[in-house]
Amino acid sequence: MASKNYNVVAFKVVLHCICLAVANSSDLSYPAVFNFGDSNSDTGDLAAGLGFQLIQPYGQSYFNASSTGRFCNGRLIVDFLSKFLTLLHL
């Protein structure tokens, strides 16, 4: 008897989770990713905020030939996420 009740409860929980997933799967569109992060995602916005100008080759990244104002010359995790979600690079 106890296993029958367990199966009914488990079925109801799974059904509830599926219904919540379907109800919350609306089409949302975002223009860009705004990242307020730590040193793993900071690309040098402090320099831009303080008015420093980065000249060539500083701030040049491999995916953008012009100076980007970033201290990082490679992509960060947030860049890979925005590419995966087809959003603009930061």
Protein backbone atom coordinates (compact mmCIF):
# COMPACT_ATOMS: atom_id res chain seq x y z
CA MET A 1 0.00 0.00 0.00
CA ALA A 2 2.84 2.36 0.82
CA SER A 3 4.54 1.86 -2.55
CA LYS A 4 1.27 2.65 -4.35
CA ASN A 5 0.99 5.95 -2.49
CA TYR A 6 4.65 6.68 -3.25
CA ASN A 7 4.07 6.09 -6.97
CA VAL A 8 1.05 8.40 -6.99
CA VAL A 9 2.95 11.16 -5.19
CA ALA A 10 5.97 10.77 -7.48
CA PHE A 11 3.72 10.92 -10.54
CA LYS A 12 2.02 14.07 -9.27
CA VAL A 13 5.39 15.74 -8.57
CA VAL A 14 6.71 14.93 -12.05
CA LEU A 15 3.46 16.09 -13.67
CA HIS A 16 3.58 19.32 -11.67
CA CYS A 17 7.18 19.98 -12.74
CA ILE A 18 6.31 19.38 -16.40
CA CYS A 19 3.34 21.75 -16.17
CA LEU A 20 5.49 24.45 -14.58
CA ALA A 21 8.14 24.07 -17.27
CA VAL A 22 5.59 24.39 -20.07
CA ALA A 23 3.88 27.35 -18.42
CA ASN A 24 7.16 29.23 -17.96
CA SER A 25 8.58 28.55 -21.43
CA SER A 26 7.61 31.85 -23.02
CA ASP A 27 9.66 33.42 -25.80
CA LEU A 28 11.82 36.08 -24.17
CA SER A 29 14.23 38.20 -26.16
CA TYR A 30 17.07 40.20 -24.66
CA PRO A 31 19.29 42.63 -26.62
CA ALA A 32 22.48 41.99 -24.66
CA VAL A 33 23.99 40.51 -21.52
CA PHE A 34 24.70 42.85 -18.63
CA ASN A 35 27.28 41.32 -16.35
CA PHE A 36 27.98 42.64 -12.88
CA GLY A 37 30.70 40.25 -11.91
CA ASP A 38 34.03 39.58 -10.32
CA SER A 39 37.59 39.37 -11.59
CA ASN A 40 36.71 36.43 -13.83
CA SER A 41 34.40 38.63 -15.87
CA ASP A 42 35.87 42.13 -15.47
CA THR A 43 37.31 43.36 -18.75
CA GLY A 44 38.56 46.74 -17.62
CA ASP A 45 35.49 48.91 -17.32
CA LEU A 46 37.19 50.74 -14.48
CA ALA A 47 39.62 52.25 -17.00
CA ALA A 48 36.74 53.50 -19.12
CA GLY A 49 35.00 54.88 -16.05
CA LEU A 50 38.10 56.79 -14.99
CA GLY A 51 38.69 58.15 -18.49
CA PHE A 52 41.79 56.15 -19.44
CA GLN A 53 42.22 55.69 -23.17
CA LEU A 54 43.70 52.46 -24.40
CA ILE A 55 45.70 52.83 -27.59
CA GLN A 56 46.84 50.14 -30.00
CA PRO A 57 47.74 47.36 -29.37
CA TYR A 58 46.28 47.61 -25.84
CA GLY A 59 42.65 46.70 -25.67
CA GLN A 60 42.79 44.87 -28.98
CA SER A 61 41.14 41.48 -28.96
CA TYR A 62 41.44 38.66 -31.42
CA PHE A 63 37.74 38.77 -32.33
CA ASN A 64 37.74 42.54 -32.93
CA ALA A 65 40.67 44.17 -34.74
CA SER A 66 40.00 47.66 -33.40
CA SER A 67 40.71 48.75 -29.85
CA THR A 68 37.85 47.62 -27.64
CA GLY A 69 38.85 49.24 -24.37
CA ARG A 70 39.13 45.85 -22.72
CA PHE A 71 42.14 44.78 -20.68
CA CYS A 72 41.51 41.16 -21.60
CA ASN A 73 42.69 40.11 -25.05
CA GLY A 74 40.62 36.95 -25.10
CA ARG A 75 37.10 35.92 -24.45
CA LEU A 76 35.66 35.42 -21.01
CA ILE A 77 32.93 33.07 -19.87
CA VAL A 78 30.31 35.77 -20.35
CA ASP A 79 31.48 36.19 -23.97
CA PHE A 80 30.99 32.49 -24.63
CA LEU A 81 27.54 32.62 -23.02
CA SER A 82 26.48 35.60 -25.11
CA LYS A 83 27.73 33.86 -28.27
CA PHE A 84 25.80 30.70 -27.34
CA LEU A 85 22.65 32.80 -26.77
CA THR A 86 23.34 34.80 -29.98
CA LEU A 87 23.57 38.09 -28.11
CA LEU A 88 25.93 41.01 -28.54
CA HIS A 89 29.43 40.88 -27.08
CA LEU A 90 30.09 43.09 -24.09
